[in-house]
Amino acid sequence: MASAGSDTGGQKPMLARHRVKDDASNAPTGHVPPRAQPGYFPLGYKEGFSQWWAGLSPAVTEHKVLSYVPYLQKPPTHTQTGSAPPSVKDMDMSLDSSKEAKPVRTTSITDPYGPRQWHSELVQLSGKNRALNEFSVTRLDEPVENNLVMLHGYGAGLGFFYKNFEALSRLPNWKTYALDLLGMGRSSRPAFRIHAKDRESKIKEAESWFIDALEEWRIKRGIDKMTLLGHSLGGYMAVAYALKYPGHLNKLILASPVGIPEDPYAVSEELPEPGESTMANEFTQSQDSTTSKTAAAKPPPRKTPKWLNTLWDANISPFSIVRLAGPIGPRLVSGWTSRRFSHLPEEEAQALHDYSYSLFRQRGSGEYALAYILAPGAFARSPLIRRIQGVGRQIIAPHAEATVDETTKQSVDRVRETGIPVVLMYGEHDWMDVKGGHAAMESMEAEKRKALAGASQEDRRRENGDAKVTIIKKAGHHVYLDGADQFNEEMLGEMRDVERRQKRLRGL
């Protein structure tokens, strides 16, 4: 495998507008460059073949993306998980200490918010081929009093948070973690198998595949409570985690979470799959337009093609198509990355394209959970709007699955959570419907009123639950990237709020 510090070997820029600019800078004086004609797949066949042939590993491309983190020009990058093409049975996972990354320290001289320690590590879990890729930032010479844990969305990786790591690790006494979900990013990619027979059990088993790994990681890291941030599918899993493993969250932050609204076509086996949704805008909407002043407030719904429903129900993921496409794979990926990262500087957009393709081409694993959890159009098979009211209201005990604890005669005397704050963030031009966030907020507030009506004096004093919806300006679905500055400010405010709440509760 190429070393983590290697580059792309002079590969041409992926974005058409960047290639035109590059050509213009190298053209003779007086040369007039042609008008950019990006098309839907702007990466040329030749450039796509070159990228496929180079086969840059996820370690190399993650390293490049993280090099854009301020004050971290040489990020630590372990190489314990290598490339796993679809032809191999399991991802190559090495325990060789030579492949571990040494922590990188920035001093208060080179880092105005330092000293800080940045670390990349593969955290081994129980069972065969189970490990989570972790990136962490520790503030040196300070005791760790709070932990922020960040989860990415479907098929993505922790490198997508590169615009957030530095800002969110400025608060004293906080340690920041970002994880690749099991079977995604640079985490190990064990075979994904569902053993359940009925529909509901399949959903719960697919959820547990991810959140059980998160819980094992939490225990291994010795973290009692954490502030959990999840984007998109990561937000869905964060809610499932809060329901199955109560008592371990200080706050839950959901960034454009998938799966909240209910669609009757998605939850019923008798009805056909949903006919339309706004999810197609993830692939067709340019971020140049999303971040402009004239962008539509909410992208319109689009019809879901029948062929997409067929592939979805057959559990053929988008990444399967990328892998099967071989040399054409990078060109297919450019159809998404050229729009998704069009608002970024050329070098960063190129690095994220390379990173995305290197992840998408890896052996399929966690991606196969999608068809069990979501219907076409990103509607949940088991909508969170039916369950999110239980967040922060669960009996504090191990649960078999992510379901809501109902109040019964047998459960009255058992210790329950007394609420946790929940924040739902959406982009101003998000294709994820913010109405789902408002409905979730109302459901949680109603559950709070219900809990307080029969609460003891002590529980009333310890009540800590509330919910709110926040809009990130000039941002689409990827709020942490499109509106990074506002997102980081909002996050720091929520982290300070955690500290204020802890101080209040300690004073009781």
Protein backbone atom coordinates (compact mmCIF):
# COMPACT_ATOMS: atom_id res chain seq x y z
CA MET A 1 0.00 0.00 0.00
CA ALA A 2 1.22 3.49 -0.70
CA SER A 3 2.45 5.47 2.26
CA ALA A 4 0.01 7.80 3.95
CA GLY A 5 1.97 10.81 2.85
CA SER A 6 1.93 10.08 -0.89
CA ASP A 7 0.03 12.30 -3.32
CA THR A 8 -2.12 11.69 -6.35
CA GLY A 9 0.78 11.73 -8.76
CA GLY A 10 -0.20 14.79 -10.76
CA GLN A 11 -3.79 13.70 -11.39
CA LYS A 12 -5.89 16.33 -13.14
CA PRO A 13 -8.54 18.09 -11.06
CA MET A 14 -11.84 16.22 -10.84
CA LEU A 15 -14.14 19.26 -11.16
CA ALA A 16 -14.63 20.61 -14.66
CA ARG A 17 -14.42 24.24 -13.58
CA HIS A 18 -11.15 23.42 -11.79
CA ARG A 19 -9.73 21.65 -14.84
CA VAL A 20 -10.50 24.68 -17.03
CA LYS A 21 -8.78 26.92 -14.51
CA ASP A 22 -5.79 24.58 -14.38
CA ASP A 23 -5.57 24.44 -18.18
CA ALA A 24 -5.82 28.21 -18.38
CA SER A 25 -2.94 28.72 -15.94
CA ASN A 26 -0.68 26.50 -18.05
CA ALA A 27 -1.80 27.87 -21.44
CA PRO A 28 0.31 30.26 -23.55
CA THR A 29 -0.25 33.98 -23.11
CA GLY A 30 -3.31 35.17 -25.05
CA HIS A 31 -4.91 31.72 -25.10
CA VAL A 32 -8.66 31.82 -24.44
CA PRO A 33 -9.81 28.75 -22.50
CA PRO A 34 -12.96 26.96 -23.68
CA ARG A 35 -16.18 27.29 -21.67
CA ALA A 36 -16.49 24.56 -19.06
CA GLN A 37 -18.84 21.77 -20.10
CA PRO A 38 -19.08 19.69 -16.94
CA GLY A 39 -21.94 17.36 -17.93
CA TYR A 40 -23.31 15.00 -15.33
CA PHE A 41 -20.04 13.03 -14.98
CA PRO A 42 -17.32 15.67 -15.37
CA LEU A 43 -14.33 13.38 -14.83
CA GLY A 44 -12.98 12.22 -18.19
CA TYR A 45 -12.52 8.53 -19.06
CA LYS A 46 -8.74 8.88 -19.15
CA GLU A 47 -8.54 10.59 -15.77
CA GLY A 48 -11.00 8.08 -14.34
CA PHE A 49 -8.91 5.16 -15.58
CA SER A 50 -5.78 6.73 -14.06
CA GLN A 51 -7.47 7.08 -10.68
CA TRP A 52 -8.80 3.53 -10.78
CA TRP A 53 -5.37 2.20 -11.79
CA ALA A 54 -3.59 4.20 -9.05
CA GLY A 55 -5.92 2.63 -6.49
CA LEU A 56 -5.10 5.06 -3.68
CA SER A 57 -5.88 3.47 -0.33
CA PRO A 58 -8.31 5.06 2.16
CA ALA A 59 -5.36 5.67 4.51
CA VAL A 60 -3.65 7.83 1.87
CA THR A 61 -6.76 9.80 0.97
CA GLU A 62 -7.90 10.26 4.58
CA HIS A 63 -4.43 11.57 5.41
CA LYS A 64 -4.68 14.10 2.59
CA VAL A 65 -8.11 15.36 3.70
CA LEU A 66 -7.01 15.73 7.33
CA SER A 67 -3.97 17.74 6.21
CA TYR A 68 -6.44 20.61 5.65
CA VAL A 69 -7.21 20.76 9.38
CA PRO A 70 -5.72 24.06 10.64
CA TYR A 71 -2.43 23.69 12.56
CA LEU A 72 -2.24 20.00 11.54
CA GLN A 73 -0.17 19.82 8.36
CA LYS A 74 1.06 16.30 9.17
CA PRO A 75 -1.94 14.40 10.58
CA PRO A 76 -1.43 11.01 12.23
CA THR A 77 -2.73 8.14 10.07
CA HIS A 78 -2.61 4.52 11.14
CA THR A 79 -2.39 1.95 8.34
CA GLN A 80 -3.87 -1.01 10.22
CA THR A 81 -6.81 -1.22 7.81
CA GLY A 82 -5.76 -1.43 4.21
CA SER A 83 -7.65 -1.64 0.94
CA ALA A 84 -10.33 -4.30 0.68
CA PRO A 85 -11.41 -4.79 -2.94
CA PRO A 86 -14.66 -6.72 -3.43
CA SER A 87 -12.78 -9.84 -4.51
CA VAL A 88 -11.32 -10.45 -1.03
CA LYS A 89 -13.25 -12.08 1.77
CA ASP A 90 -12.28 -9.64 4.52
CA MET A 91 -10.56 -6.29 4.76
CA ASP A 92 -6.88 -6.63 5.58
CA MET A 93 -6.61 -5.75 9.28
CA SER A 94 -3.17 -5.78 10.87
CA LEU A 95 -2.14 -5.75 14.52
CA ASP A 96 1.43 -4.94 13.50
CA SER A 97 2.63 -2.14 15.78
CA SER A 98 4.62 -0.66 12.91
CA LYS A 99 1.34 0.27 11.25
CA GLU A 100 0.10 2.20 14.27
CA ALA A 101 0.24 5.99 14.12
CA LYS A 102 2.14 8.00 16.67
CA PRO A 103 0.17 10.90 18.15
CA VAL A 104 0.95 14.33 16.75
CA ARG A 105 1.28 17.19 19.21
CA THR A 106 0.85 20.86 18.44
CA THR A 107 2.32 23.37 20.87
CA SER A 108 0.95 26.68 22.05
CA ILE A 109 3.56 28.31 19.82
CA THR A 110 2.37 26.70 16.56
CA ASP A 111 -1.25 26.27 17.67
CA PRO A 112 -2.99 29.30 19.26
CA TYR A 113 -5.54 26.97 20.88
CA GLY A 114 -3.00 24.35 21.92
CA PRO A 115 -1.27 22.43 23.13
CA ARG A 116 -3.32 19.59 21.64
CA GLN A 117 -2.69 15.97 20.74
CA TRP A 118 -4.14 14.48 17.54
CA HIS A 119 -4.35 10.72 17.21
CA SER A 120 -5.50 8.13 14.66
CA GLU A 121 -6.17 4.64 15.96
CA LEU A 122 -7.91 1.39 15.12
CA VAL A 123 -9.88 0.29 18.19
CA GLN A 124 -10.24 -3.48 18.35
CA LEU A 125 -13.64 -4.89 19.37
CA SER A 126 -14.70 -8.41 20.31
CA GLY A 127 -15.41 -10.99 17.63
CA LYS A 128 -13.87 -11.59 14.24
CA ASN A 129 -12.80 -8.64 12.11
CA ARG A 130 -14.54 -5.97 14.24
CA ALA A 131 -12.74 -2.68 14.81
CA LEU A 132 -13.59 1.02 14.64
CA ASN A 133 -11.44 3.67 13.01
CA GLU A 134 -11.03 6.55 15.47
CA PHE A 135 -9.64 10.07 15.19
CA SER A 136 -9.31 12.01 18.43
CA VAL A 137 -8.15 15.40 19.67
CA THR A 138 -7.02 15.75 23.29
CA ARG A 139 -6.26 19.01 25.04
CA LEU A 140 -2.96 18.56 26.87
CA ASP A 141 -2.31 19.55 30.47
CA GLU A 142 -6.05 19.54 31.21
CA PRO A 143 -8.21 16.84 32.82
CA VAL A 144 -10.86 15.41 30.48
CA GLU A 145 -14.29 16.26 31.91
CA ASN A 146 -16.44 15.92 28.78
CA ASN A 147 -16.37 13.90 25.58
CA LEU A 148 -17.79 14.79 22.15
CA VAL A 149 -18.33 11.82 19.82
CA MET A 150 -19.08 12.41 16.11
CA LEU A 151 -20.73 9.91 13.73
CA HIS A 152 -20.80 10.36 9.94
CA GLY A 153 -23.57 9.53 7.47
CA TYR A 154 -24.18 6.64 5.07
CA GLY A 155 -21.11 5.44 3.19
CA ALA A 156 -19.03 8.41 4.35
CA GLY A 157 -16.10 8.63 6.76
CA LEU A 158 -14.78 10.68 9.64
CA GLY A 159 -12.63 12.74 7.26
CA PHE A 160 -15.75 14.61 6.17
CA PHE A 161 -15.59 16.45 9.53
CA TYR A 162 -12.22 18.01 8.66
CA LYS A 163 -13.67 21.55 8.92
CA ASN A 164 -14.93 20.87 12.45
CA PHE A 165 -12.14 19.10 14.35
CA GLU A 166 -10.04 22.17 15.10
CA ALA A 167 -12.87 24.48 16.17
CA LEU A 168 -14.68 21.89 18.28
CA SER A 169 -11.54 20.93 20.20
CA ARG A 170 -10.93 24.45 21.54
CA LEU A 171 -13.04 24.19 24.70
CA PRO A 172 -11.07 23.43 27.88
CA ASN A 173 -11.49 19.95 29.40
CA TRP A 174 -13.20 18.45 26.33
CA LYS A 175 -11.90 15.51 24.30
CA THR A 176 -13.16 15.13 20.73
CA TYR A 177 -13.65 11.79 18.99
CA ALA A 178 -14.80 10.97 15.46
CA LEU A 179 -15.59 7.38 14.52
CA ASP A 180 -16.12 5.50 11.30
CA LEU A 181 -19.21 3.32 11.69
CA LEU A 182 -18.58 -0.40 11.64
CA GLY A 183 -18.35 -1.60 8.04
CA MET A 184 -17.83 1.92 6.67
CA GLY A 185 -14.97 4.37 6.24
CA ARG A 186 -11.71 2.85 7.46
CA SER A 187 -13.32 0.70 10.14
CA SER A 188 -13.13 -3.04 9.56
CA ARG A 189 -15.63 -4.51 7.11
CA PRO A 190 -17.01 -7.77 8.48
CA ALA A 191 -19.63 -9.64 6.48
CA PHE A 192 -23.07 -8.09 7.05
CA ARG A 193 -25.64 -10.80 7.68
CA ILE A 194 -29.17 -10.59 9.05
CA HIS A 195 -30.50 -13.73 10.76
CA ALA A 196 -33.96 -12.47 11.75
CA LYS A 197 -36.98 -13.66 9.76
CA ASP A 198 -39.67 -11.01 10.29
CA ARG A 199 -39.54 -7.39 9.13
CA GLU A 200 -39.37 -5.66 12.54
CA SER A 201 -36.70 -8.01 13.86
CA LYS A 202 -34.58 -7.42 10.76
CA ILE A 203 -34.74 -3.66 11.39
CA LYS A 204 -33.68 -4.03 15.03
CA GLU A 205 -30.87 -6.44 14.14
CA ALA A 206 -29.54 -4.05 11.48
CA GLU A 207 -29.60 -1.14 13.98
CA SER A 208 -27.87 -3.23 16.64
CA TRP A 209 -25.09 -4.16 14.21
CA PHE A 210 -23.91 -0.53 14.40
CA ILE A 211 -24.91 0.63 17.87
CA ASP A 212 -23.61 -2.44 19.70
CA ALA A 213 -20.19 -1.64 18.24
CA LEU A 214 -20.52 1.97 19.46
CA GLU A 215 -21.42 0.80 22.96
CA GLU A 216 -18.48 -1.61 23.07
CA TRP A 217 -16.20 1.22 21.96
CA ARG A 218 -17.59 3.49 24.72
CA ILE A 219 -16.90 0.87 27.38
CA LYS A 220 -13.42 0.20 26.03
CA ARG A 221 -12.62 3.92 26.15
CA GLY A 222 -13.89 4.18 29.74
CA ILE A 223 -16.39 6.91 28.89
CA ASP A 224 -19.33 7.16 31.30
CA LYS A 225 -21.27 9.90 29.51
CA MET A 226 -20.79 11.70 26.21
CA THR A 227 -22.29 14.32 23.95
CA LEU A 228 -23.22 12.42 20.80
CA LEU A 229 -23.40 14.09 17.37
CA GLY A 230 -24.72 12.14 14.39
CA HIS A 231 -25.19 13.26 10.79
CA SER A 232 -27.84 11.71 8.51
CA LEU A 233 -27.66 7.92 9.04
CA GLY A 234 -25.31 8.63 11.93
CA GLY A 235 -28.13 10.69 13.48
CA TYR A 236 -30.56 7.81 13.04
CA MET A 237 -28.10 5.48 14.76
CA ALA A 238 -27.50 8.02 17.53
CA VAL A 239 -31.23 7.96 18.36
CA ALA A 240 -31.25 4.15 18.28
CA TYR A 241 -28.22 4.15 20.60
CA ALA A 242 -29.94 6.52 23.06
CA LEU A 243 -32.94 4.16 23.24
CA LYS A 244 -31.01 0.90 23.57
CA TYR A 245 -28.24 2.14 25.86
CA PRO A 246 -29.81 4.83 28.08
CA GLY A 247 -27.94 6.70 30.76
CA HIS A 248 -24.78 7.48 28.78
CA LEU A 249 -25.61 10.76 27.02
CA ASN A 250 -25.29 14.33 28.24
CA LYS A 251 -26.79 15.66 25.01
CA LEU A 252 -27.90 14.33 21.63
CA ILE A 253 -27.23 16.46 18.54
CA LEU A 254 -28.82 15.33 15.28
CA ALA A 255 -27.46 17.00 12.14
CA SER A 256 -30.00 16.57 9.33
CA PRO A 257 -30.96 13.11 10.62
CA VAL A 258 -32.50 10.59 8.27
CA GLY A 259 -35.57 8.55 9.14
CA ILE A 260 -37.73 10.82 11.31
CA PRO A 261 -40.90 11.37 9.20
CA GLU A 262 -43.32 8.54 8.55
CA ASP A 263 -44.29 7.45 5.05
CA PRO A 264 -47.03 4.78 4.88
CA TYR A 265 -45.40 3.22 1.81
CA ALA A 266 -42.14 2.72 3.72
CA VAL A 267 -43.59 1.09 6.83
CA SER A 268 -46.08 -1.30 5.22
CA GLU A 269 -45.12 -4.58 3.57
CA GLU A 270 -48.41 -4.61 1.67
CA LEU A 271 -47.92 -1.24 -0.04
CA PRO A 272 -45.40 -0.52 -2.81
CA GLU A 273 -42.23 1.43 -2.06
CA PRO A 274 -42.50 5.27 -1.80
CA GLY A 275 -43.03 6.90 -5.19
CA GLU A 276 -41.17 10.16 -4.62
CA SER A 277 -38.86 11.96 -2.21
CA THR A 278 -36.37 14.82 -1.98
CA MET A 279 -33.37 12.46 -1.62
CA ALA A 280 -32.52 12.70 -5.34
CA ASN A 281 -31.38 16.26 -4.64
CA GLU A 282 -28.35 14.81 -2.84
CA PHE A 283 -27.05 13.79 -6.28
CA THR A 284 -28.41 16.58 -8.49
CA GLN A 285 -28.16 19.70 -6.31
CA SER A 286 -24.98 21.75 -6.70
CA GLN A 287 -23.55 23.25 -3.53
CA ASP A 288 -22.76 26.42 -5.48
CA SER A 289 -26.51 26.97 -5.72
CA THR A 290 -27.21 25.79 -2.17
CA THR A 291 -24.89 28.38 -0.67
CA SER A 292 -26.21 31.22 -2.86
CA LYS A 293 -28.72 33.82 -1.74
CA THR A 294 -31.23 32.83 -4.42
CA ALA A 295 -31.39 29.12 -3.59
CA ALA A 296 -34.82 27.62 -3.01
CA ALA A 297 -35.69 27.16 0.66
CA LYS A 298 -36.51 23.51 0.17
CA PRO A 299 -35.63 21.27 -2.80
CA PRO A 300 -38.70 19.83 -4.54
CA PRO A 301 -39.57 16.12 -4.31
CA ARG A 302 -38.74 13.99 -7.32
CA LYS A 303 -40.20 10.72 -8.57
CA THR A 304 -38.27 7.62 -7.54
CA PRO A 305 -37.43 5.55 -10.65
CA LYS A 306 -38.76 1.99 -10.67
CA TRP A 307 -35.29 0.64 -11.41
CA LEU A 308 -34.02 2.30 -8.22
CA ASN A 309 -36.74 0.62 -6.16
CA THR A 310 -35.84 -2.72 -7.73
CA LEU A 311 -32.12 -2.36 -6.99
CA TRP A 312 -32.86 -1.05 -3.49
CA ASP A 313 -35.10 -3.98 -2.58
CA ALA A 314 -32.49 -6.38 -4.00
CA ASN A 315 -29.98 -4.70 -1.62
CA ILE A 316 -27.72 -3.61 -4.45
CA SER A 317 -26.04 -0.52 -3.01
CA PRO A 318 -24.76 2.49 -5.00
CA PHE A 319 -21.26 1.43 -4.03
CA SER A 320 -21.79 -2.01 -5.56
CA ILE A 321 -22.30 -0.26 -8.89
CA VAL A 322 -19.12 1.79 -8.38
CA ARG A 323 -17.15 -1.37 -7.67
CA LEU A 324 -18.62 -3.26 -10.63
CA ALA A 325 -17.89 -0.31 -12.93
CA GLY A 326 -14.14 -0.80 -12.56
CA PRO A 327 -12.24 1.93 -14.48
CA ILE A 328 -15.48 3.89 -14.95
CA GLY A 329 -16.05 4.00 -11.17
CA PRO A 330 -14.20 7.29 -10.52
CA ARG A 331 -16.19 8.93 -13.33
CA LEU A 332 -19.49 7.79 -11.77
CA VAL A 333 -18.42 9.10 -8.37
CA SER A 334 -17.55 12.47 -9.93
CA GLY A 335 -21.25 12.91 -10.72
CA TRP A 336 -21.83 13.28 -6.97
CA THR A 337 -18.57 14.83 -5.78
CA SER A 338 -18.51 17.50 -8.51
CA ARG A 339 -21.79 18.87 -7.12
CA ARG A 340 -21.35 18.03 -3.47
CA PHE A 341 -17.99 19.84 -3.13
CA SER A 342 -18.41 22.50 -5.82
CA HIS A 343 -18.28 25.32 -3.26
CA LEU A 344 -14.88 24.31 -1.88
CA PRO A 345 -11.37 25.33 -2.98
CA GLU A 346 -9.99 23.20 -5.80
CA GLU A 347 -7.47 21.25 -3.73
CA GLU A 348 -9.96 20.39 -0.99
CA ALA A 349 -12.63 19.34 -3.49
CA GLN A 350 -10.11 17.07 -5.23
CA ALA A 351 -8.99 15.54 -1.93
CA LEU A 352 -12.60 14.81 -0.95
CA HIS A 353 -13.33 13.26 -4.35
CA ASP A 354 -10.29 10.97 -3.98
CA TYR A 355 -11.29 10.14 -0.40
CA SER A 356 -14.89 9.38 -1.39
CA TYR A 357 -13.89 7.08 -4.25
CA SER A 358 -11.33 5.25 -2.12
CA LEU A 359 -14.07 4.48 0.44
CA PHE A 360 -16.80 3.65 -2.07
CA ARG A 361 -14.64 1.05 -3.83
CA GLN A 362 -13.93 -0.95 -0.66
CA ARG A 363 -15.52 -4.31 0.05
CA GLY A 364 -19.25 -4.02 0.83
CA SER A 365 -20.22 -4.40 4.48
CA GLY A 366 -22.22 -1.93 6.59
CA GLU A 367 -23.72 -0.38 3.45
CA TYR A 368 -25.99 -3.43 3.10
CA ALA A 369 -27.92 -2.37 6.21
CA LEU A 370 -29.56 0.43 4.23
CA ALA A 371 -32.34 -1.63 2.62
CA TYR A 372 -33.36 -3.04 6.01
CA ILE A 373 -33.48 0.36 7.72
CA LEU A 374 -34.67 2.71 4.97
CA ALA A 375 -37.04 2.46 2.02
CA PRO A 376 -36.17 4.14 -1.30
CA GLY A 377 -36.24 7.89 -0.80
CA ALA A 378 -34.65 7.66 2.68
CA PHE A 379 -37.92 6.99 4.54
CA ALA A 380 -37.40 4.77 7.59
CA ARG A 381 -38.94 1.31 7.81
CA SER A 382 -39.32 2.05 11.54
CA PRO A 383 -39.70 5.86 11.66
CA LEU A 384 -38.00 7.69 14.49
CA ILE A 385 -41.09 9.86 14.98
CA ARG A 386 -42.65 6.78 16.58
CA ARG A 387 -39.73 6.35 19.00
CA ILE A 388 -37.83 9.58 19.54
CA GLN A 389 -40.09 10.60 22.45
CA GLY A 390 -38.38 7.87 24.48
CA VAL A 391 -34.95 9.51 24.23
CA GLY A 392 -33.95 10.53 27.75
CA ARG A 393 -37.00 8.78 29.28
CA GLN A 394 -35.82 5.16 29.28
CA ILE A 395 -35.38 2.79 32.20
CA ILE A 396 -31.68 2.77 33.03
CA ALA A 397 -30.90 -0.86 32.33
CA PRO A 398 -29.62 -2.94 29.40
CA HIS A 399 -32.13 -3.19 26.55
CA ALA A 400 -32.46 -5.90 23.93
CA GLU A 401 -33.34 -3.42 21.18
CA ALA A 402 -33.94 0.27 20.43
CA THR A 403 -37.58 0.50 21.49
CA VAL A 404 -39.43 2.86 23.80
CA ASP A 405 -40.06 1.85 27.42
CA GLU A 406 -43.76 2.22 28.11
CA THR A 407 -44.95 3.12 31.61
CA THR A 408 -46.49 0.02 33.23
CA LYS A 409 -47.24 -1.09 36.79
CA GLN A 410 -44.08 -3.19 36.73
CA SER A 411 -41.88 -0.30 35.50
CA VAL A 412 -43.11 2.50 37.80
CA ASP A 413 -40.55 1.81 40.54
CA ARG A 414 -37.57 1.33 38.21
CA VAL A 415 -35.02 4.12 37.80
CA ARG A 416 -35.59 6.16 34.65
CA GLU A 417 -33.69 8.92 32.92
CA THR A 418 -34.95 12.41 33.71
CA GLY A 419 -34.51 13.82 30.22
CA ILE A 420 -31.59 14.86 28.04
CA PRO A 421 -31.40 17.88 25.72
CA VAL A 422 -31.85 17.07 22.02
CA VAL A 423 -30.85 19.44 19.23
CA LEU A 424 -31.98 18.93 15.62
CA MET A 425 -29.99 20.86 13.01
CA TYR A 426 -31.05 21.34 9.39
CA GLY A 427 -29.63 23.26 6.48
CA GLU A 428 -31.51 26.25 5.13
CA HIS A 429 -31.72 24.42 1.78
CA ASP A 430 -31.74 20.88 3.18
CA TRP A 431 -33.45 18.13 1.19
CA MET A 432 -34.16 16.47 4.53
CA ASP A 433 -37.54 17.83 5.64
CA VAL A 434 -37.25 20.13 8.67
CA LYS A 435 -40.92 19.42 9.42
CA GLY A 436 -39.77 16.06 10.74
CA GLY A 437 -37.52 17.88 13.19
CA HIS A 438 -40.36 20.08 14.44
CA ALA A 439 -42.64 17.05 14.79
CA ALA A 440 -39.93 15.26 16.78
CA MET A 441 -39.49 18.30 19.02
CA GLU A 442 -43.23 18.43 19.72
CA SER A 443 -43.30 14.70 20.48
CA MET A 444 -40.44 15.00 22.96
CA GLU A 445 -41.96 18.05 24.64
CA ALA A 446 -45.28 16.21 25.01
CA GLU A 447 -43.47 13.25 26.60
CA LYS A 448 -41.72 15.66 28.98
CA ARG A 449 -45.05 17.09 30.14
CA LYS A 450 -46.36 13.58 30.62
CA ALA A 451 -43.28 12.57 32.67
CA LEU A 452 -43.42 15.65 34.87
CA ALA A 453 -47.11 15.17 35.61
CA GLY A 454 -46.38 12.08 37.67
CA ALA A 455 -42.81 12.84 38.73
CA SER A 456 -41.48 12.96 42.25
CA GLN A 457 -40.14 16.19 43.74
CA GLU A 458 -36.59 14.90 43.25
CA ASP A 459 -37.18 13.97 39.60
CA ARG A 460 -38.68 17.39 38.93
CA ARG A 461 -35.51 19.02 40.26
CA ARG A 462 -33.34 16.74 38.14
CA GLU A 463 -35.39 17.22 34.97
CA ASN A 464 -32.94 17.99 32.17
CA GLY A 465 -34.84 17.37 28.95
CA ASP A 466 -35.74 19.75 26.18
CA ALA A 467 -35.64 19.85 22.39
CA LYS A 468 -35.04 22.50 19.77
CA VAL A 469 -34.58 22.89 16.01
CA THR A 470 -31.71 24.97 14.60
CA ILE A 471 -31.26 26.12 11.00
CA ILE A 472 -27.78 26.47 9.48
CA LYS A 473 -27.80 29.28 6.91
CA LYS A 474 -26.67 28.72 3.31
CA ALA A 475 -26.33 24.99 3.92
CA GLY A 476 -27.82 21.86 2.42
CA HIS A 477 -27.91 18.35 3.88
CA HIS A 478 -24.23 18.39 4.87
CA VAL A 479 -24.60 21.20 7.39
CA TYR A 480 -21.23 20.60 9.06
CA LEU A 481 -19.45 21.22 5.73
CA ASP A 482 -21.68 23.70 3.85
CA GLY A 483 -22.09 26.05 6.80
CA ALA A 484 -19.05 25.04 8.82
CA ASP A 485 -18.54 28.39 10.57
CA GLN A 486 -22.10 28.67 11.91
CA PHE A 487 -22.24 24.94 12.59
CA ASN A 488 -19.07 25.13 14.71
CA GLU A 489 -20.38 28.15 16.62
CA GLU A 490 -23.69 26.38 17.29
CA MET A 491 -21.85 23.26 18.42
CA LEU A 492 -19.58 25.19 20.80
CA GLY A 493 -22.68 26.84 22.26
CA GLU A 494 -24.28 23.44 22.81
CA MET A 495 -21.12 22.12 24.44
CA ARG A 496 -21.02 25.08 26.83
CA ASP A 497 -24.68 24.39 27.58
CA VAL A 498 -23.69 20.86 28.63
CA GLU A 499 -21.26 22.38 31.13
CA ARG A 500 -23.93 24.72 32.53
CA ARG A 501 -26.38 21.85 32.97
CA GLN A 502 -23.77 19.72 34.70
CA LYS A 503 -23.01 22.54 37.11
CA ARG A 504 -26.71 22.94 37.92
CA LEU A 505 -27.21 19.23 38.51
CA ARG A 506 -24.13 19.02 40.74
CA GLY A 507 -25.58 21.79 42.89
CA LEU A 508 -28.79 19.86 43.67
